[in-house]
Amino acid sequence: MNEISPLDKPFPFRAAPGAKRPYTRKMKVYIVTDMHGNERLVRAYTSADALRHVTPTFHVTQADQDDIISLMAAGVAVETAGVQEQELPAGEAAGLSD
């Protein structure tokens, strides 16, 4: 018999030699927990996408020098992502000391 094997057939069963497979992103399910312990399941491509999905009221832009000066003068401290916040000693405002 001269039957063609599925491996001898062209794409989608088998890509042509040297052809790249198309990249497909896969969604994962993330647990997003708020500060009260409430949990939500969110299907997203990344954890950042999942977080953005549950916090649509937040907006992020890069601060320019004037933004930093005015916000720090108003007592807003600069936070570092991924670092747990620590209590400042009494008398220190916004991380500045004499």
PDB file of N, CA and C in Angstrom:
ATOM      1  N   MET A   1       0.822  -1.184   0.000  1.00  0.00           N
ATOM      2  CA  MET A   1       0.000   0.000   0.000  1.00  0.00           C
ATOM      3  C   MET A   1       0.863   1.243   0.000  1.00  0.00           C
ATOM      4  N   ASN A   2       0.403   2.252  -0.705  1.00  0.00           N
ATOM      5  CA  ASN A   2       1.096   3.531  -0.763  1.00  0.00           C
ATOM      6  C   ASN A   2       0.318   4.600  -0.012  1.00  0.00           C
ATOM      7  N   GLU A   3       0.032   4.340   1.243  1.00  0.00           N
ATOM      8  CA  GLU A   3      -0.740   5.293   2.033  1.00  0.00           C
ATOM      9  C   GLU A   3       0.190   6.346   2.623  1.00  0.00           C
ATOM     10  N   ILE A   4      -0.259   7.609   2.650  1.00  0.00           N
ATOM     11  CA  ILE A   4       0.551   8.702   3.195  1.00  0.00           C
ATOM     12  C   ILE A   4       0.361   8.752   4.704  1.00  0.00           C
ATOM     13  N   SER A   5       1.460   8.771   5.396  1.00  0.00           N
ATOM     14  CA  SER A   5       1.445   8.845   6.853  1.00  0.00           C
ATOM     15  C   SER A   5       1.090  10.271   7.276  1.00  0.00           C
ATOM     16  N   PRO A   6       0.427  10.451   8.438  1.00  0.00           N
ATOM     17  CA  PRO A   6       0.159  11.805   8.928  1.00  0.00           C
ATOM     18  C   PRO A   6       1.433  12.626   9.108  1.00  0.00           C
ATOM     19  N   LEU A   7       2.565  11.958   9.348  1.00  0.00           N
ATOM     20  CA  LEU A   7       3.828  12.678   9.507  1.00  0.00           C
ATOM     21  C   LEU A   7       4.369  13.199   8.185  1.00  0.00           C
ATOM     22  N   ASP A   8       3.885  12.654   7.076  1.00  0.00           N
ATOM     23  CA  ASP A   8       4.326  13.109   5.767  1.00  0.00           C
ATOM     24  C   ASP A   8       3.461  14.239   5.226  1.00  0.00           C
ATOM     25  N   LYS A   9       2.359  14.524   5.906  1.00  0.00           N
ATOM     26  CA  LYS A   9       1.456  15.572   5.449  1.00  0.00           C
ATOM     27  C   LYS A   9       2.000  16.944   5.855  1.00  0.00           C
ATOM     28  N   PRO A  10       1.668  17.984   5.078  1.00  0.00           N
ATOM     29  CA  PRO A  10       2.126  19.329   5.426  1.00  0.00           C
ATOM     30  C   PRO A  10       1.379  19.869   6.645  1.00  0.00           C
ATOM     31  N   PHE A  11       1.831  21.025   7.112  1.00  0.00           N
ATOM     32  CA  PHE A  11       1.215  21.714   8.250  1.00  0.00           C
ATOM     33  C   PHE A  11      -0.290  21.716   8.082  1.00  0.00           C
ATOM     34  N   PRO A  12      -1.129  21.494   9.050  1.00  0.00           N
ATOM     35  CA  PRO A  12      -0.889  21.623  10.475  1.00  0.00           C
ATOM     36  C   PRO A  12      -0.363  20.371  11.138  1.00  0.00           C
ATOM     37  N   PHE A  13      -0.311  19.241  10.428  1.00  0.00           N
ATOM     38  CA  PHE A  13       0.179  18.036  11.070  1.00  0.00           C
ATOM     39  C   PHE A  13       1.684  18.085  11.275  1.00  0.00           C
ATOM     40  N   ARG A  14       2.376  18.651  10.310  1.00  0.00           N
ATOM     41  CA  ARG A  14       3.830  18.737  10.423  1.00  0.00           C
ATOM     42  C   ARG A  14       4.302  19.967   9.661  1.00  0.00           C
ATOM     43  N   ALA A  15       5.074  20.803  10.329  1.00  0.00           N
ATOM     44  CA  ALA A  15       5.571  22.023   9.700  1.00  0.00           C
ATOM     45  C   ALA A  15       6.666  21.679   8.699  1.00  0.00           C
ATOM     46  N   ALA A  16       6.808  22.538   7.721  1.00  0.00           N
ATOM     47  CA  ALA A  16       7.865  22.363   6.724  1.00  0.00           C
ATOM     48  C   ALA A  16       9.214  22.497   7.414  1.00  0.00           C
ATOM     49  N   PRO A  17      10.233  21.810   6.906  1.00  0.00           N
ATOM     50  CA  PRO A  17      11.557  21.908   7.519  1.00  0.00           C
ATOM     51  C   PRO A  17      12.022  23.363   7.587  1.00  0.00           C
ATOM     52  N   GLY A  18      12.524  23.764   8.748  1.00  0.00           N
ATOM     53  CA  GLY A  18      13.021  25.126   8.929  1.00  0.00           C
ATOM     54  C   GLY A  18      11.940  26.128   9.296  1.00  0.00           C
ATOM     55  N   ALA A  19      10.675  25.728   9.240  1.00  0.00           N
ATOM     56  CA  ALA A  19       9.597  26.659   9.587  1.00  0.00           C
ATOM     57  C   ALA A  19       9.477  26.765  11.095  1.00  0.00           C
ATOM     58  N   LYS A  20       9.184  27.977  11.565  1.00  0.00           N
ATOM     59  CA  LYS A  20       9.022  28.186  13.002  1.00  0.00           C
ATOM     60  C   LYS A  20       7.572  27.972  13.380  1.00  0.00           C
ATOM     61  N   ARG A  21       7.376  27.422  14.559  1.00  0.00           N
ATOM     62  CA  ARG A  21       6.021  27.263  15.072  1.00  0.00           C
ATOM     63  C   ARG A  21       5.495  28.626  15.492  1.00  0.00           C
ATOM     64  N   PRO A  22       4.246  28.901  15.249  1.00  0.00           N
ATOM     65  CA  PRO A  22       3.705  30.188  15.693  1.00  0.00           C
ATOM     66  C   PRO A  22       3.670  30.238  17.220  1.00  0.00           C
ATOM     67  N   TYR A  23       4.026  31.404  17.770  1.00  0.00           N
ATOM     68  CA  TYR A  23       4.042  31.573  19.222  1.00  0.00           C
ATOM     69  C   TYR A  23       2.625  31.860  19.699  1.00  0.00           C
ATOM     70  N   THR A  24       2.181  31.106  20.649  1.00  0.00           N
ATOM     71  CA  THR A  24       0.870  31.350  21.236  1.00  0.00           C
ATOM     72  C   THR A  24       1.037  31.531  22.732  1.00  0.00           C
ATOM     73  N   ARG A  25       0.518  32.641  23.224  1.00  0.00           N
ATOM     74  CA  ARG A  25       0.559  32.893  24.667  1.00  0.00           C
ATOM     75  C   ARG A  25      -0.586  32.142  25.315  1.00  0.00           C
ATOM     76  N   LYS A  26      -0.304  31.585  26.450  1.00  0.00           N
ATOM     77  CA  LYS A  26      -1.337  30.833  27.163  1.00  0.00           C
ATOM     78  C   LYS A  26      -1.747  31.605  28.405  1.00  0.00           C
ATOM     79  N   MET A  27      -3.029  31.658  28.620  1.00  0.00           N
ATOM     80  CA  MET A  27      -3.542  32.309  29.820  1.00  0.00           C
ATOM     81  C   MET A  27      -3.434  31.345  30.996  1.00  0.00           C
ATOM     82  N   LYS A  28      -3.185  31.908  32.159  1.00  0.00           N
ATOM     83  CA  LYS A  28      -3.126  31.136  33.394  1.00  0.00           C
ATOM     84  C   LYS A  28      -4.165  31.722  34.342  1.00  0.00           C
ATOM     85  N   VAL A  29      -4.510  30.977  35.372  1.00  0.00           N
ATOM     86  CA  VAL A  29      -5.444  31.476  36.372  1.00  0.00           C
ATOM     87  C   VAL A  29      -4.635  31.903  37.591  1.00  0.00           C
ATOM     88  N   TYR A  30      -4.826  33.149  38.008  1.00  0.00           N
ATOM     89  CA  TYR A  30      -4.125  33.724  39.149  1.00  0.00           C
ATOM     90  C   TYR A  30      -5.105  33.966  40.290  1.00  0.00           C
ATOM     91  N   ILE A  31      -4.625  33.830  41.527  1.00  0.00           N
ATOM     92  CA  ILE A  31      -5.401  34.224  42.700  1.00  0.00           C
ATOM     93  C   ILE A  31      -4.942  35.630  43.066  1.00  0.00           C
ATOM     94  N   VAL A  32      -5.883  36.572  43.086  1.00  0.00           N
ATOM     95  CA  VAL A  32      -5.576  37.943  43.477  1.00  0.00           C
ATOM     96  C   VAL A  32      -6.252  38.178  44.822  1.00  0.00           C
ATOM     97  N   THR A  33      -5.462  38.510  45.832  1.00  0.00           N
ATOM     98  CA  THR A  33      -5.961  38.681  47.190  1.00  0.00           C
ATOM     99  C   THR A  33      -5.829  40.136  47.618  1.00  0.00           C
ATOM    100  N   ASP A  34      -6.919  40.699  48.165  1.00  0.00           N
ATOM    101  CA  ASP A  34      -6.838  42.078  48.650  1.00  0.00           C
ATOM    102  C   ASP A  34      -6.359  42.096  50.093  1.00  0.00           C
ATOM    103  N   MET A  35      -6.225  43.302  50.667  1.00  0.00           N
ATOM    104  CA  MET A  35      -5.664  43.413  52.018  1.00  0.00           C
ATOM    105  C   MET A  35      -6.603  42.878  53.095  1.00  0.00           C
ATOM    106  N   HIS A  36      -7.852  42.591  52.749  1.00  0.00           N
ATOM    107  CA  HIS A  36      -8.802  42.028  53.703  1.00  0.00           C
ATOM    108  C   HIS A  36      -8.868  40.505  53.605  1.00  0.00           C
ATOM    109  N   GLY A  37      -8.080  39.925  52.716  1.00  0.00           N
ATOM    110  CA  GLY A  37      -8.056  38.479  52.551  1.00  0.00           C
ATOM    111  C   GLY A  37      -9.054  37.942  51.536  1.00  0.00           C
ATOM    112  N   ASN A  38      -9.811  38.829  50.881  1.00  0.00           N
ATOM    113  CA  ASN A  38     -10.749  38.389  49.846  1.00  0.00           C
ATOM    114  C   ASN A  38      -9.967  37.933  48.623  1.00  0.00           C
ATOM    115  N   GLU A  39     -10.328  36.788  48.102  1.00  0.00           N
ATOM    116  CA  GLU A  39      -9.605  36.220  46.956  1.00  0.00           C
ATOM    117  C   GLU A  39     -10.483  36.240  45.712  1.00  0.00           C
ATOM    118  N   ARG A  40      -9.827  36.483  44.578  1.00  0.00           N
ATOM    119  CA  ARG A  40     -10.499  36.425  43.286  1.00  0.00           C
ATOM    120  C   ARG A  40      -9.655  35.576  42.355  1.00  0.00           C
ATOM    121  N   LEU A  41     -10.307  34.803  41.511  1.00  0.00           N
ATOM    122  CA  LEU A  41      -9.615  34.040  40.473  1.00  0.00           C
ATOM    123  C   LEU A  41      -9.712  34.826  39.181  1.00  0.00           C
ATOM    124  N   VAL A  42      -8.566  35.101  38.579  1.00  0.00           N
ATOM    125  CA  VAL A  42      -8.527  35.903  37.358  1.00  0.00           C
ATOM    126  C   VAL A  42      -7.710  35.163  36.311  1.00  0.00           C
ATOM    127  N   ARG A  43      -8.296  34.952  35.137  1.00  0.00           N
ATOM    128  CA  ARG A  43      -7.575  34.343  34.023  1.00  0.00           C
ATOM    129  C   ARG A  43      -6.889  35.469  33.253  1.00  0.00           C
ATOM    130  N   ALA A  44      -5.562  35.386  33.126  1.00  0.00           N
ATOM    131  CA  ALA A  44      -4.798  36.441  32.467  1.00  0.00           C
ATOM    132  C   ALA A  44      -3.505  35.877  31.907  1.00  0.00           C
ATOM    133  N   TYR A  45      -2.862  36.672  31.037  1.00  0.00           N
ATOM    134  CA  TYR A  45      -1.578  36.248  30.473  1.00  0.00           C
ATOM    135  C   TYR A  45      -0.449  36.395  31.488  1.00  0.00           C
ATOM    136  N   THR A  46      -0.498  37.446  32.323  1.00  0.00           N
ATOM    137  CA  THR A  46       0.545  37.667  33.325  1.00  0.00           C
ATOM    138  C   THR A  46      -0.100  38.074  34.649  1.00  0.00           C
ATOM    139  N   SER A  47       0.672  37.995  35.729  1.00  0.00           N
ATOM    140  CA  SER A  47       0.150  38.421  37.023  1.00  0.00           C
ATOM    141  C   SER A  47      -0.141  39.919  37.017  1.00  0.00           C
ATOM    142  N   ALA A  48       0.655  40.690  36.271  1.00  0.00           N
ATOM    143  CA  ALA A  48       0.400  42.131  36.169  1.00  0.00           C
ATOM    144  C   ALA A  48      -0.947  42.390  35.490  1.00  0.00           C
ATOM    145  N   ASP A  49      -1.271  41.612  34.457  1.00  0.00           N
ATOM    146  CA  ASP A  49      -2.578  41.744  33.797  1.00  0.00           C
ATOM    147  C   ASP A  49      -3.702  41.413  34.765  1.00  0.00           C
ATOM    148  N   ALA A  50      -3.518  40.393  35.587  1.00  0.00           N
ATOM    149  CA  ALA A  50      -4.539  40.006  36.561  1.00  0.00           C
ATOM    150  C   ALA A  50      -4.744  41.119  37.586  1.00  0.00           C
ATOM    151  N   LEU A  51      -3.659  41.710  38.053  1.00  0.00           N
ATOM    152  CA  LEU A  51      -3.760  42.789  39.021  1.00  0.00           C
ATOM    153  C   LEU A  51      -4.443  44.010  38.414  1.00  0.00           C
ATOM    154  N   ARG A  52      -4.073  44.345  37.190  1.00  0.00           N
ATOM    155  CA  ARG A  52      -4.723  45.472  36.507  1.00  0.00           C
ATOM    156  C   ARG A  52      -6.214  45.237  36.338  1.00  0.00           C
ATOM    157  N   HIS A  53      -6.599  43.988  36.139  1.00  0.00           N
ATOM    158  CA  HIS A  53      -8.007  43.653  35.942  1.00  0.00           C
ATOM    159  C   HIS A  53      -8.837  43.972  37.191  1.00  0.00           C
ATOM    160  N   VAL A  54      -8.292  43.719  38.369  1.00  0.00           N
ATOM    161  CA  VAL A  54      -9.057  43.921  39.603  1.00  0.00           C
ATOM    162  C   VAL A  54      -8.863  45.317  40.197  1.00  0.00           C
ATOM    163  N   THR A  55      -7.944  46.102  39.680  1.00  0.00           N
ATOM    164  CA  THR A  55      -7.720  47.451  40.190  1.00  0.00           C
ATOM    165  C   THR A  55      -7.830  48.475  39.058  1.00  0.00           C
ATOM    166  N   PRO A  56      -8.988  48.558  38.412  1.00  0.00           N
ATOM    167  CA  PRO A  56      -9.109  49.471  37.266  1.00  0.00           C
ATOM    168  C   PRO A  56      -9.075  50.942  37.653  1.00  0.00           C
ATOM    169  N   THR A  57      -9.194  51.261  38.942  1.00  0.00           N
ATOM    170  CA  THR A  57      -9.195  52.663  39.343  1.00  0.00           C
ATOM    171  C   THR A  57      -7.793  53.238  39.445  1.00  0.00           C
ATOM    172  N   PHE A  58      -6.779  52.404  39.398  1.00  0.00           N
ATOM    173  CA  PHE A  58      -5.409  52.891  39.475  1.00  0.00           C
ATOM    174  C   PHE A  58      -4.891  53.210  38.078  1.00  0.00           C
ATOM    175  N   HIS A  59      -4.039  54.219  38.008  1.00  0.00           N
ATOM    176  CA  HIS A  59      -3.417  54.609  36.746  1.00  0.00           C
ATOM    177  C   HIS A  59      -1.944  54.867  37.033  1.00  0.00           C
ATOM    178  N   VAL A  60      -1.063  54.350  36.202  1.00  0.00           N
ATOM    179  CA  VAL A  60       0.377  54.482  36.440  1.00  0.00           C
ATOM    180  C   VAL A  60       1.018  55.273  35.313  1.00  0.00           C
ATOM    181  N   THR A  61       1.778  56.291  35.688  1.00  0.00           N
ATOM    182  CA  THR A  61       2.605  57.036  34.743  1.00  0.00           C
ATOM    183  C   THR A  61       3.954  57.274  35.403  1.00  0.00           C
ATOM    184  N   GLN A  62       4.964  57.514  34.611  1.00  0.00           N
ATOM    185  CA  GLN A  62       6.278  57.783  35.178  1.00  0.00           C
ATOM    186  C   GLN A  62       6.300  59.223  35.701  1.00  0.00           C
ATOM    187  N   ALA A  63       6.794  59.391  36.923  1.00  0.00           N
ATOM    188  CA  ALA A  63       6.853  60.715  37.544  1.00  0.00           C
ATOM    189  C   ALA A  63       8.004  61.517  36.953  1.00  0.00           C
ATOM    190  N   ASP A  64       7.731  62.805  36.681  1.00  0.00           N
ATOM    191  CA  ASP A  64       8.838  63.666  36.272  1.00  0.00           C
ATOM    192  C   ASP A  64       9.366  64.391  37.519  1.00  0.00           C
ATOM    193  N   GLN A  65      10.391  65.194  37.355  1.00  0.00           N
ATOM    194  CA  GLN A  65      11.047  65.833  38.491  1.00  0.00           C
ATOM    195  C   GLN A  65      10.080  66.732  39.268  1.00  0.00           C
ATOM    196  N   ASP A  66       9.244  67.479  38.570  1.00  0.00           N
ATOM    197  CA  ASP A  66       8.284  68.363  39.240  1.00  0.00           C
ATOM    198  C   ASP A  66       7.267  67.569  40.057  1.00  0.00           C
ATOM    199  N   ASP A  67       6.807  66.418  39.533  1.00  0.00           N
ATOM    200  CA  ASP A  67       5.878  65.559  40.275  1.00  0.00           C
ATOM    201  C   ASP A  67       6.514  65.092  41.579  1.00  0.00           C
ATOM    202  N   ILE A  68       7.761  64.655  41.505  1.00  0.00           N
ATOM    203  CA  ILE A  68       8.464  64.147  42.685  1.00  0.00           C
ATOM    204  C   ILE A  68       8.611  65.243  43.736  1.00  0.00           C
ATOM    205  N   ILE A  69       9.011  66.432  43.297  1.00  0.00           N
ATOM    206  CA  ILE A  69       9.204  67.543  44.234  1.00  0.00           C
ATOM    207  C   ILE A  69       7.889  67.903  44.916  1.00  0.00           C
ATOM    208  N   SER A  70       6.815  68.062  44.144  1.00  0.00           N
ATOM    209  CA  SER A  70       5.546  68.495  44.741  1.00  0.00           C
ATOM    210  C   SER A  70       4.943  67.421  45.643  1.00  0.00           C
ATOM    211  N   LEU A  71       5.022  66.163  45.240  1.00  0.00           N
ATOM    212  CA  LEU A  71       4.448  65.101  46.068  1.00  0.00           C
ATOM    213  C   LEU A  71       5.251  64.877  47.347  1.00  0.00           C
ATOM    214  N   MET A  72       6.573  64.925  47.256  1.00  0.00           N
ATOM    215  CA  MET A  72       7.386  64.752  48.469  1.00  0.00           C
ATOM    216  C   MET A  72       7.194  65.939  49.411  1.00  0.00           C
ATOM    217  N   ALA A  73       7.013  67.152  48.864  1.00  0.00           N
ATOM    218  CA  ALA A  73       6.753  68.329  49.696  1.00  0.00           C
ATOM    219  C   ALA A  73       5.415  68.186  50.420  1.00  0.00           C
ATOM    220  N   ALA A  74       4.477  67.448  49.818  1.00  0.00           N
ATOM    221  CA  ALA A  74       3.173  67.213  50.434  1.00  0.00           C
ATOM    222  C   ALA A  74       3.209  66.042  51.416  1.00  0.00           C
ATOM    223  N   GLY A  75       4.396  65.419  51.589  1.00  0.00           N
ATOM    224  CA  GLY A  75       4.542  64.345  52.575  1.00  0.00           C
ATOM    225  C   GLY A  75       4.376  62.942  52.004  1.00  0.00           C
ATOM    226  N   VAL A  76       4.351  62.805  50.684  1.00  0.00           N
ATOM    227  CA  VAL A  76       4.215  61.483  50.067  1.00  0.00           C
ATOM    228  C   VAL A  76       5.600  60.846  49.972  1.00  0.00           C
ATOM    229  N   ALA A  77       5.747  59.661  50.545  1.00  0.00           N
ATOM    230  CA  ALA A  77       7.035  58.957  50.533  1.00  0.00           C
ATOM    231  C   ALA A  77       7.181  58.142  49.250  1.00  0.00           C
ATOM    232  N   VAL A  78       8.405  57.975  48.798  1.00  0.00           N
ATOM    233  CA  VAL A  78       8.687  57.122  47.646  1.00  0.00           C
ATOM    234  C   VAL A  78       8.711  55.680  48.130  1.00  0.00           C
ATOM    235  N   GLU A  79       7.926  54.823  47.507  1.00  0.00           N
ATOM    236  CA  GLU A  79       7.882  53.400  47.857  1.00  0.00           C
ATOM    237  C   GLU A  79       8.706  52.628  46.838  1.00  0.00           C
ATOM    238  N   THR A  80       9.339  51.554  47.284  1.00  0.00           N
ATOM    239  CA  THR A  80      10.116  50.705  46.383  1.00  0.00           C
ATOM    240  C   THR A  80       9.360  49.404  46.172  1.00  0.00           C
ATOM    241  N   ALA A  81       9.018  49.113  44.922  1.00  0.00           N
ATOM    242  CA  ALA A  81       8.270  47.898  44.598  1.00  0.00           C
ATOM    243  C   ALA A  81       9.086  46.669  44.973  1.00  0.00           C
ATOM    244  N   GLY A  82       8.423  45.698  45.590  1.00  0.00           N
ATOM    245  CA  GLY A  82       9.081  44.456  45.959  1.00  0.00           C
ATOM    246  C   GLY A  82       9.803  44.510  47.291  1.00  0.00           C
ATOM    247  N   VAL A  83       9.806  45.684  47.947  1.00  0.00           N
ATOM    248  CA  VAL A  83      10.462  45.829  49.237  1.00  0.00           C
ATOM    249  C   VAL A  83       9.387  46.140  50.262  1.00  0.00           C
ATOM    250  N   GLN A  84       9.392  45.410  51.373  1.00  0.00           N
ATOM    251  CA  GLN A  84       8.397  45.619  52.412  1.00  0.00           C
ATOM    252  C   GLN A  84       8.638  46.962  53.094  1.00  0.00           C
ATOM    253  N   GLU A  85       7.547  47.701  53.324  1.00  0.00           N
ATOM    254  CA  GLU A  85       7.645  49.021  53.951  1.00  0.00           C
ATOM    255  C   GLU A  85       8.117  48.890  55.392  1.00  0.00           C
ATOM    256  N   GLN A  86       8.936  49.845  55.842  1.00  0.00           N
ATOM    257  CA  GLN A  86       9.426  49.871  57.216  1.00  0.00           C
ATOM    258  C   GLN A  86       8.974  51.169  57.864  1.00  0.00           C
ATOM    259  N   GLU A  87       8.797  51.129  59.179  1.00  0.00           N
ATOM    260  CA  GLU A  87       8.429  52.323  59.932  1.00  0.00           C
ATOM    261  C   GLU A  87       9.613  53.287  59.949  1.00  0.00           C
ATOM    262  N   LEU A  88       9.320  54.567  59.714  1.00  0.00           N
ATOM    263  CA  LEU A  88      10.363  55.585  59.816  1.00  0.00           C
ATOM    264  C   LEU A  88      10.479  56.031  61.270  1.00  0.00           C
ATOM    265  N   PRO A  89      11.688  56.336  61.737  1.00  0.00           N
ATOM    266  CA  PRO A  89      11.836  56.865  63.092  1.00  0.00           C
ATOM    267  C   PRO A  89      11.042  58.154  63.238  1.00  0.00           C
ATOM    268  N   ALA A  90      10.560  58.442  64.422  1.00  0.00           N
ATOM    269  CA  ALA A  90       9.799  59.669  64.680  1.00  0.00           C
ATOM    270  C   ALA A  90      10.625  60.876  64.251  1.00  0.00           C
ATOM    271  N   GLY A  91       9.972  61.824  63.603  1.00  0.00           N
ATOM    272  CA  GLY A  91      10.666  63.026  63.178  1.00  0.00           C
ATOM    273  C   GLY A  91      11.166  62.998  61.750  1.00  0.00           C
ATOM    274  N   GLU A  92      11.238  61.825  61.136  1.00  0.00           N
ATOM    275  CA  GLU A  92      11.663  61.751  59.743  1.00  0.00           C
ATOM    276  C   GLU A  92      10.435  61.797  58.848  1.00  0.00           C
ATOM    277  N   ALA A  93      10.408  62.737  57.921  1.00  0.00           N
ATOM    278  CA  ALA A  93       9.275  62.889  57.011  1.00  0.00           C
ATOM    279  C   ALA A  93       9.687  62.457  55.615  1.00  0.00           C
ATOM    280  N   ALA A  94       8.916  61.571  55.030  1.00  0.00           N
ATOM    281  CA  ALA A  94       9.108  61.141  53.643  1.00  0.00           C
ATOM    282  C   ALA A  94      10.504  60.623  53.370  1.00  0.00           C
ATOM    283  N   GLY A  95      11.149  60.034  54.365  1.00  0.00           N
ATOM    284  CA  GLY A  95      12.468  59.446  54.152  1.00  0.00           C
ATOM    285  C   GLY A  95      13.597  60.452  54.131  1.00  0.00           C
ATOM    286  N   LEU A  96      13.327  61.698  54.483  1.00  0.00           N
ATOM    287  CA  LEU A  96      14.372  62.733  54.475  1.00  0.00           C
ATOM    288  C   LEU A  96      14.790  63.022  55.917  1.00  0.00           C
ATOM    289  N   SER A  97      16.045  63.200  56.123  1.00  0.00           N
ATOM    290  CA  SER A  97      16.535  63.563  57.458  1.00  0.00           C
ATOM    291  C   SER A  97      17.614  64.637  57.311  1.00  0.00           C
ATOM    292  N   ASP A  98      17.886  65.341  58.381  1.00  0.00           N
ATOM    293  CA  ASP A  98      18.897  66.408  58.352  1.00  0.00           C
ATOM    294  C   ASP A  98      20.276  65.839  58.464  1.00  0.00           C
TER     295      ASP A  98
END
